[in-house]
């Protein structure tokens, strides 16, 4: 009986979709765990002032616009 119960528990754990959350850079030194519906890491740049480039990084549901956009779907791929 214990063996059957243990087998059922193991099968249940293996068959469950435990979910996977993506981790992306939010800044050069910090990371963020994405929400379940956010499946992309992104990075893009923009120039609000001459000779001043700002980079935005984070999680998203789609790929952003901006200059030189990077869009990827593996952990910490948006450095």
PDB file of N, CA and C in Angstrom:
ATOM      1  N   UNK A   1       0.827  -1.199   0.000  1.00  0.00           N
ATOM      2  CA  UNK A   1       0.000   0.000   0.000  1.00  0.00           C
ATOM      3  C   UNK A   1       0.871   1.262   0.000  1.00  0.00           C
ATOM      4  N   UNK A   2       1.933   1.241   0.811  1.00  0.00           N
ATOM      5  CA  UNK A   2       2.827   2.397   0.846  1.00  0.00           C
ATOM      6  C   UNK A   2       3.533   2.580  -0.496  1.00  0.00           C
ATOM      7  N   UNK A   3       3.877   1.471  -1.121  1.00  0.00           N
ATOM      8  CA  UNK A   3       4.536   1.541  -2.422  1.00  0.00           C
ATOM      9  C   UNK A   3       3.610   2.149  -3.468  1.00  0.00           C
ATOM     10  N   UNK A   4       2.352   1.770  -3.447  1.00  0.00           N
ATOM     11  CA  UNK A   4       1.373   2.321  -4.383  1.00  0.00           C
ATOM     12  C   UNK A   4       1.197   3.816  -4.155  1.00  0.00           C
ATOM     13  N   UNK A   5       1.100   4.219  -2.913  1.00  0.00           N
ATOM     14  CA  UNK A   5       0.943   5.635  -2.585  1.00  0.00           C
ATOM     15  C   UNK A   5       2.171   6.426  -3.032  1.00  0.00           C
ATOM     16  N   UNK A   6       3.346   5.897  -2.766  1.00  0.00           N
ATOM     17  CA  UNK A   6       4.572   6.562  -3.180  1.00  0.00           C
ATOM     18  C   UNK A   6       4.648   6.671  -4.704  1.00  0.00           C
ATOM     19  N   UNK A   7       4.256   5.625  -5.395  1.00  0.00           N
ATOM     20  CA  UNK A   7       4.245   5.636  -6.855  1.00  0.00           C
ATOM     21  C   UNK A   7       3.289   6.697  -7.383  1.00  0.00           C
ATOM     22  N   UNK A   8       2.118   6.801  -6.796  1.00  0.00           N
ATOM     23  CA  UNK A   8       1.146   7.817  -7.223  1.00  0.00           C
ATOM     24  C   UNK A   8       1.679   9.228  -6.990  1.00  0.00           C
ATOM     25  N   UNK A   9       2.338   9.439  -5.881  1.00  0.00           N
ATOM     26  CA  UNK A   9       2.903  10.760  -5.589  1.00  0.00           C
ATOM     27  C   UNK A   9       3.987  11.105  -6.608  1.00  0.00           C
ATOM     28  N   UNK A  10       4.862  10.172  -6.897  1.00  0.00           N
ATOM     29  CA  UNK A  10       5.939  10.419  -7.860  1.00  0.00           C
ATOM     30  C   UNK A  10       5.372  10.695  -9.247  1.00  0.00           C
ATOM     31  N   UNK A  11       4.410   9.912  -9.686  1.00  0.00           N
ATOM     32  CA  UNK A  11       3.795  10.116 -10.999  1.00  0.00           C
ATOM     33  C   UNK A  11       3.103  11.472 -11.056  1.00  0.00           C
ATOM     34  N   UNK A  12       2.434  11.857 -10.003  1.00  0.00           N
ATOM     35  CA  UNK A  12       1.759  13.159  -9.960  1.00  0.00           C
ATOM     36  C   UNK A  12       2.767  14.291 -10.076  1.00  0.00           C
ATOM     37  N   UNK A  13       3.864  14.204  -9.355  1.00  0.00           N
ATOM     38  CA  UNK A  13       4.881  15.254  -9.409  1.00  0.00           C
ATOM     39  C   UNK A  13       5.498  15.335 -10.801  1.00  0.00           C
ATOM     40  N   UNK A  14       5.790  14.205 -11.398  1.00  0.00           N
ATOM     41  CA  UNK A  14       6.398  14.188 -12.728  1.00  0.00           C
ATOM     42  C   UNK A  14       5.442  14.737 -13.776  1.00  0.00           C
ATOM     43  N   UNK A  15       4.173  14.425 -13.666  1.00  0.00           N
ATOM     44  CA  UNK A  15       3.196  14.831 -14.676  1.00  0.00           C
ATOM     45  C   UNK A  15       2.717  16.264 -14.517  1.00  0.00           C
ATOM     46  N   UNK A  16       2.890  16.847 -13.345  1.00  0.00           N
ATOM     47  CA  UNK A  16       2.450  18.221 -13.143  1.00  0.00           C
ATOM     48  C   UNK A  16       3.342  19.175 -13.914  1.00  0.00           C
ATOM     49  N   UNK A  17       2.743  20.185 -14.446  1.00  0.00           N
ATOM     50  CA  UNK A  17       3.513  21.257 -15.044  1.00  0.00           C
ATOM     51  C   UNK A  17       3.834  22.221 -13.922  1.00  0.00           C
ATOM     52  N   UNK A  18       5.042  22.164 -13.427  1.00  0.00           N
ATOM     53  CA  UNK A  18       5.413  22.989 -12.284  1.00  0.00           C
ATOM     54  C   UNK A  18       5.629  24.439 -12.676  1.00  0.00           C
ATOM     55  N   UNK A  19       5.619  24.717 -13.945  1.00  0.00           N
ATOM     56  CA  UNK A  19       5.761  26.090 -14.413  1.00  0.00           C
ATOM     57  C   UNK A  19       7.219  26.496 -14.477  1.00  0.00           C
ATOM     58  N   UNK A  20       7.505  27.378 -15.372  1.00  0.00           N
ATOM     59  CA  UNK A  20       8.855  27.888 -15.529  1.00  0.00           C
ATOM     60  C   UNK A  20       8.753  29.391 -15.616  1.00  0.00           C
ATOM     61  N   UNK A  21       9.547  30.080 -14.848  1.00  0.00           N
ATOM     62  CA  UNK A  21       9.562  31.532 -14.918  1.00  0.00           C
ATOM     63  C   UNK A  21      10.906  31.984 -15.466  1.00  0.00           C
ATOM     64  N   UNK A  22      10.844  32.922 -16.348  1.00  0.00           N
ATOM     65  CA  UNK A  22      12.013  33.473 -17.009  1.00  0.00           C
ATOM     66  C   UNK A  22      12.652  34.523 -16.108  1.00  0.00           C
ATOM     67  N   UNK A  23      13.969  34.619 -16.122  1.00  0.00           N
ATOM     68  CA  UNK A  23      14.696  35.653 -15.396  1.00  0.00           C
ATOM     69  C   UNK A  23      15.424  36.520 -16.407  1.00  0.00           C
ATOM     70  N   UNK A  24      15.237  37.837 -16.282  1.00  0.00           N
ATOM     71  CA  UNK A  24      15.854  38.784 -17.211  1.00  0.00           C
ATOM     72  C   UNK A  24      16.598  39.858 -16.427  1.00  0.00           C
ATOM     73  N   UNK A  25      17.527  40.511 -17.115  1.00  0.00           N
ATOM     74  CA  UNK A  25      18.163  41.678 -16.516  1.00  0.00           C
ATOM     75  C   UNK A  25      17.183  42.839 -16.529  1.00  0.00           C
ATOM     76  N   UNK A  26      17.126  43.565 -15.421  1.00  0.00           N
ATOM     77  CA  UNK A  26      16.348  44.796 -15.333  1.00  0.00           C
ATOM     78  C   UNK A  26      17.299  45.989 -15.447  1.00  0.00           C
ATOM     79  N   UNK A  27      18.521  45.800 -14.980  1.00  0.00           N
ATOM     80  CA  UNK A  27      19.600  46.765 -15.116  1.00  0.00           C
ATOM     81  C   UNK A  27      20.880  45.957 -15.278  1.00  0.00           C
ATOM     82  N   UNK A  28      22.010  46.621 -15.403  1.00  0.00           N
ATOM     83  CA  UNK A  28      23.254  45.869 -15.577  1.00  0.00           C
ATOM     84  C   UNK A  28      23.571  44.992 -14.375  1.00  0.00           C
ATOM     85  N   UNK A  29      23.161  45.421 -13.193  1.00  0.00           N
ATOM     86  CA  UNK A  29      23.506  44.659 -11.994  1.00  0.00           C
ATOM     87  C   UNK A  29      22.322  43.947 -11.357  1.00  0.00           C
ATOM     88  N   UNK A  30      21.112  44.210 -11.812  1.00  0.00           N
ATOM     89  CA  UNK A  30      19.937  43.618 -11.184  1.00  0.00           C
ATOM     90  C   UNK A  30      19.121  42.770 -12.134  1.00  0.00           C
ATOM     91  N   UNK A  31      18.468  41.773 -11.568  1.00  0.00           N
ATOM     92  CA  UNK A  31      17.622  40.889 -12.367  1.00  0.00           C
ATOM     93  C   UNK A  31      16.197  40.934 -11.843  1.00  0.00           C
ATOM     94  N   UNK A  32      15.293  40.413 -12.642  1.00  0.00           N
ATOM     95  CA  UNK A  32      13.886  40.351 -12.273  1.00  0.00           C
ATOM     96  C   UNK A  32      13.334  39.009 -12.736  1.00  0.00           C
ATOM     97  N   UNK A  33      12.472  38.423 -11.922  1.00  0.00           N
ATOM     98  CA  UNK A  33      11.769  37.202 -12.313  1.00  0.00           C
ATOM     99  C   UNK A  33      10.495  37.632 -13.023  1.00  0.00           C
ATOM    100  N   UNK A  34      10.333  37.180 -14.241  1.00  0.00           N
ATOM    101  CA  UNK A  34       9.197  37.599 -15.063  1.00  0.00           C
ATOM    102  C   UNK A  34       7.904  36.938 -14.592  1.00  0.00           C
ATOM    103  N   UNK A  35       6.807  37.588 -14.907  1.00  0.00           N
ATOM    104  CA  UNK A  35       5.490  37.005 -14.648  1.00  0.00           C
ATOM    105  C   UNK A  35       5.267  35.860 -15.634  1.00  0.00           C
ATOM    106  N   UNK A  36       4.392  34.923 -15.310  1.00  0.00           N
ATOM    107  CA  UNK A  36       4.210  33.749 -16.180  1.00  0.00           C
ATOM    108  C   UNK A  36       3.862  34.079 -17.633  1.00  0.00           C
ATOM    109  N   UNK A  37       3.130  35.163 -17.879  1.00  0.00           N
ATOM    110  CA  UNK A  37       2.749  35.493 -19.256  1.00  0.00           C
ATOM    111  C   UNK A  37       3.842  36.259 -20.005  1.00  0.00           C
ATOM    112  N   UNK A  38       4.877  36.700 -19.311  1.00  0.00           N
ATOM    113  CA  UNK A  38       5.985  37.405 -19.944  1.00  0.00           C
ATOM    114  C   UNK A  38       7.033  36.376 -20.373  1.00  0.00           C
ATOM    115  N   UNK A  39       7.124  36.140 -21.653  1.00  0.00           N
ATOM    116  CA  UNK A  39       7.968  35.060 -22.173  1.00  0.00           C
ATOM    117  C   UNK A  39       9.197  35.565 -22.919  1.00  0.00           C
ATOM    118  N   UNK A  40       9.429  36.859 -22.915  1.00  0.00           N
ATOM    119  CA  UNK A  40      10.569  37.435 -23.627  1.00  0.00           C
ATOM    120  C   UNK A  40      11.372  38.344 -22.701  1.00  0.00           C
ATOM    121  N   UNK A  41      12.686  38.310 -22.860  1.00  0.00           N
ATOM    122  CA  UNK A  41      13.561  39.327 -22.282  1.00  0.00           C
ATOM    123  C   UNK A  41      13.839  40.333 -23.393  1.00  0.00           C
ATOM    124  N   UNK A  42      13.940  41.604 -23.034  1.00  0.00           N
ATOM    125  CA  UNK A  42      14.220  42.602 -24.061  1.00  0.00           C
ATOM    126  C   UNK A  42      15.296  43.569 -23.596  1.00  0.00           C
ATOM    127  N   UNK A  43      15.904  44.220 -24.573  1.00  0.00           N
ATOM    128  CA  UNK A  43      16.825  45.328 -24.345  1.00  0.00           C
ATOM    129  C   UNK A  43      16.729  46.228 -25.559  1.00  0.00           C
ATOM    130  N   UNK A  44      16.613  47.505 -25.318  1.00  0.00           N
ATOM    131  CA  UNK A  44      16.659  48.461 -26.419  1.00  0.00           C
ATOM    132  C   UNK A  44      17.269  49.752 -25.907  1.00  0.00           C
ATOM    133  N   UNK A  45      17.672  50.592 -26.823  1.00  0.00           N
ATOM    134  CA  UNK A  45      18.300  51.853 -26.445  1.00  0.00           C
ATOM    135  C   UNK A  45      17.563  53.014 -27.097  1.00  0.00           C
ATOM    136  N   UNK A  46      17.720  54.170 -26.474  1.00  0.00           N
ATOM    137  CA  UNK A  46      17.206  55.398 -27.078  1.00  0.00           C
ATOM    138  C   UNK A  46      18.081  56.560 -26.621  1.00  0.00           C
ATOM    139  N   UNK A  47      18.018  57.653 -27.369  1.00  0.00           N
ATOM    140  CA  UNK A  47      18.852  58.829 -27.109  1.00  0.00           C
ATOM    141  C   UNK A  47      17.964  60.028 -26.803  1.00  0.00           C
ATOM    142  N   UNK A  48      17.696  60.303 -25.523  1.00  0.00           N
ATOM    143  CA  UNK A  48      16.860  61.459 -25.199  1.00  0.00           C
ATOM    144  C   UNK A  48      17.595  62.785 -25.391  1.00  0.00           C
ATOM    145  N   UNK A  49      18.926  62.746 -25.310  1.00  0.00           N
ATOM    146  CA  UNK A  49      19.759  63.934 -25.474  1.00  0.00           C
ATOM    147  C   UNK A  49      20.951  63.563 -26.350  1.00  0.00           C
ATOM    148  N   UNK A  50      21.546  64.534 -27.007  1.00  0.00           N
ATOM    149  CA  UNK A  50      22.741  64.224 -27.802  1.00  0.00           C
ATOM    150  C   UNK A  50      23.828  63.590 -26.923  1.00  0.00           C
ATOM    151  N   UNK A  51      24.472  62.600 -27.451  1.00  0.00           N
ATOM    152  CA  UNK A  51      25.561  61.890 -26.766  1.00  0.00           C
ATOM    153  C   UNK A  51      25.139  61.234 -25.454  1.00  0.00           C
ATOM    154  N   UNK A  52      23.872  60.925 -25.313  1.00  0.00           N
ATOM    155  CA  UNK A  52      23.380  60.258 -24.092  1.00  0.00           C
ATOM    156  C   UNK A  52      22.497  59.091 -24.508  1.00  0.00           C
ATOM    157  N   UNK A  53      23.008  57.876 -24.356  1.00  0.00           N
ATOM    158  CA  UNK A  53      22.262  56.674 -24.717  1.00  0.00           C
ATOM    159  C   UNK A  53      21.738  56.028 -23.441  1.00  0.00           C
ATOM    160  N   UNK A  54      20.466  55.698 -23.433  1.00  0.00           N
ATOM    161  CA  UNK A  54      19.845  55.016 -22.295  1.00  0.00           C
ATOM    162  C   UNK A  54      19.367  53.651 -22.763  1.00  0.00           C
ATOM    163  N   UNK A  55      19.661  52.649 -21.953  1.00  0.00           N
ATOM    164  CA  UNK A  55      19.236  51.284 -22.254  1.00  0.00           C
ATOM    165  C   UNK A  55      18.095  50.895 -21.331  1.00  0.00           C
ATOM    166  N   UNK A  56      17.108  50.250 -21.877  1.00  0.00           N
ATOM    167  CA  UNK A  56      15.993  49.695 -21.107  1.00  0.00           C
ATOM    168  C   UNK A  56      16.051  48.182 -21.234  1.00  0.00           C
ATOM    169  N   UNK A  57      15.872  47.519 -20.110  1.00  0.00           N
ATOM    170  CA  UNK A  57      15.887  46.054 -20.081  1.00  0.00           C
ATOM    171  C   UNK A  57      14.718  45.582 -19.240  1.00  0.00           C
ATOM    172  N   UNK A  58      14.245  44.376 -19.522  1.00  0.00           N
ATOM    173  CA  UNK A  58      13.188  43.822 -18.699  1.00  0.00           C
ATOM    174  C   UNK A  58      12.505  42.638 -19.347  1.00  0.00           C
ATOM    175  N   UNK A  59      11.308  42.344 -18.837  1.00  0.00           N
ATOM    176  CA  UNK A  59      10.479  41.238 -19.317  1.00  0.00           C
ATOM    177  C   UNK A  59       9.335  41.803 -20.146  1.00  0.00           C
ATOM    178  N   UNK A  60       8.859  41.022 -21.081  1.00  0.00           N
ATOM    179  CA  UNK A  60       7.722  41.461 -21.870  1.00  0.00           C
ATOM    180  C   UNK A  60       7.011  40.308 -22.543  1.00  0.00           C
ATOM    181  N   UNK A  61       5.880  40.646 -23.120  1.00  0.00           N
ATOM    182  CA  UNK A  61       5.107  39.641 -23.849  1.00  0.00           C
ATOM    183  C   UNK A  61       5.445  39.637 -25.335  1.00  0.00           C
ATOM    184  N   UNK A  62       6.102  40.703 -25.796  1.00  0.00           N
ATOM    185  CA  UNK A  62       6.484  40.792 -27.206  1.00  0.00           C
ATOM    186  C   UNK A  62       7.792  41.565 -27.310  1.00  0.00           C
ATOM    187  N   UNK A  63       8.315  41.648 -28.502  1.00  0.00           N
ATOM    188  CA  UNK A  63       9.579  42.338 -28.739  1.00  0.00           C
ATOM    189  C   UNK A  63       9.323  43.836 -28.914  1.00  0.00           C
ATOM    190  N   UNK A  64      10.130  44.677 -28.269  1.00  0.00           N
ATOM    191  CA  UNK A  64       9.911  46.120 -28.346  1.00  0.00           C
ATOM    192  C   UNK A  64      10.528  46.728 -29.596  1.00  0.00           C
ATOM    193  N   UNK A  65      10.223  47.985 -29.806  1.00  0.00           N
ATOM    194  CA  UNK A  65      10.879  48.758 -30.849  1.00  0.00           C
ATOM    195  C   UNK A  65      12.132  49.391 -30.269  1.00  0.00           C
ATOM    196  N   UNK A  66      12.473  50.576 -30.726  1.00  0.00           N
ATOM    197  CA  UNK A  66      13.664  51.250 -30.224  1.00  0.00           C
ATOM    198  C   UNK A  66      14.863  50.961 -31.113  1.00  0.00           C
ATOM    199  N   UNK A  67      15.987  51.541 -30.738  1.00  0.00           N
ATOM    200  CA  UNK A  67      17.222  51.336 -31.492  1.00  0.00           C
ATOM    201  C   UNK A  67      17.901  50.052 -31.038  1.00  0.00           C
ATOM    202  N   UNK A  68      18.372  49.288 -31.987  1.00  0.00           N
ATOM    203  CA  UNK A  68      19.100  48.043 -31.717  1.00  0.00           C
ATOM    204  C   UNK A  68      18.378  47.148 -30.712  1.00  0.00           C
ATOM    205  N   UNK A  69      17.137  46.787 -30.972  1.00  0.00           N
ATOM    206  CA  UNK A  69      16.419  45.958 -29.997  1.00  0.00           C
ATOM    207  C   UNK A  69      16.981  44.539 -29.930  1.00  0.00           C
ATOM    208  N   UNK A  70      16.957  43.993 -28.734  1.00  0.00           N
ATOM    209  CA  UNK A  70      17.309  42.592 -28.500  1.00  0.00           C
ATOM    210  C   UNK A  70      16.090  41.947 -27.879  1.00  0.00           C
ATOM    211  N   UNK A  71      15.680  40.827 -28.421  1.00  0.00           N
ATOM    212  CA  UNK A  71      14.533  40.103 -27.895  1.00  0.00           C
ATOM    213  C   UNK A  71      14.911  38.629 -27.861  1.00  0.00           C
ATOM    214  N   UNK A  72      14.815  38.012 -26.682  1.00  0.00           N
ATOM    215  CA  UNK A  72      15.250  36.630 -26.534  1.00  0.00           C
ATOM    216  C   UNK A  72      14.391  35.941 -25.479  1.00  0.00           C
ATOM    217  N   UNK A  73      14.537  34.647 -25.358  1.00  0.00           N
ATOM    218  CA  UNK A  73      13.639  33.907 -24.465  1.00  0.00           C
ATOM    219  C   UNK A  73      14.359  32.911 -23.560  1.00  0.00           C
ATOM    220  N   UNK A  74      15.616  33.188 -23.243  1.00  0.00           N
ATOM    221  CA  UNK A  74      16.330  32.354 -22.278  1.00  0.00           C
ATOM    222  C   UNK A  74      16.772  33.219 -21.102  1.00  0.00           C
ATOM    223  N   UNK A  75      17.052  32.594 -19.988  1.00  0.00           N
ATOM    224  CA  UNK A  75      17.427  33.339 -18.788  1.00  0.00           C
ATOM    225  C   UNK A  75      18.639  34.237 -19.029  1.00  0.00           C
ATOM    226  N   UNK A  76      18.515  35.479 -18.583  1.00  0.00           N
ATOM    227  CA  UNK A  76      19.603  36.461 -18.580  1.00  0.00           C
ATOM    228  C   UNK A  76      20.249  36.651 -19.951  1.00  0.00           C
ATOM    229  N   UNK A  77      19.443  36.647 -20.976  1.00  0.00           N
ATOM    230  CA  UNK A  77      19.953  36.781 -22.347  1.00  0.00           C
ATOM    231  C   UNK A  77      19.965  38.229 -22.827  1.00  0.00           C
ATOM    232  N   UNK A  78      19.496  39.172 -22.024  1.00  0.00           N
ATOM    233  CA  UNK A  78      19.369  40.563 -22.472  1.00  0.00           C
ATOM    234  C   UNK A  78      20.412  41.495 -21.855  1.00  0.00           C
ATOM    235  N   UNK A  79      21.620  41.004 -21.652  1.00  0.00           N
ATOM    236  CA  UNK A  79      22.662  41.821 -21.015  1.00  0.00           C
ATOM    237  C   UNK A  79      23.109  42.956 -21.905  1.00  0.00           C
TER     238      UNK A  79
END
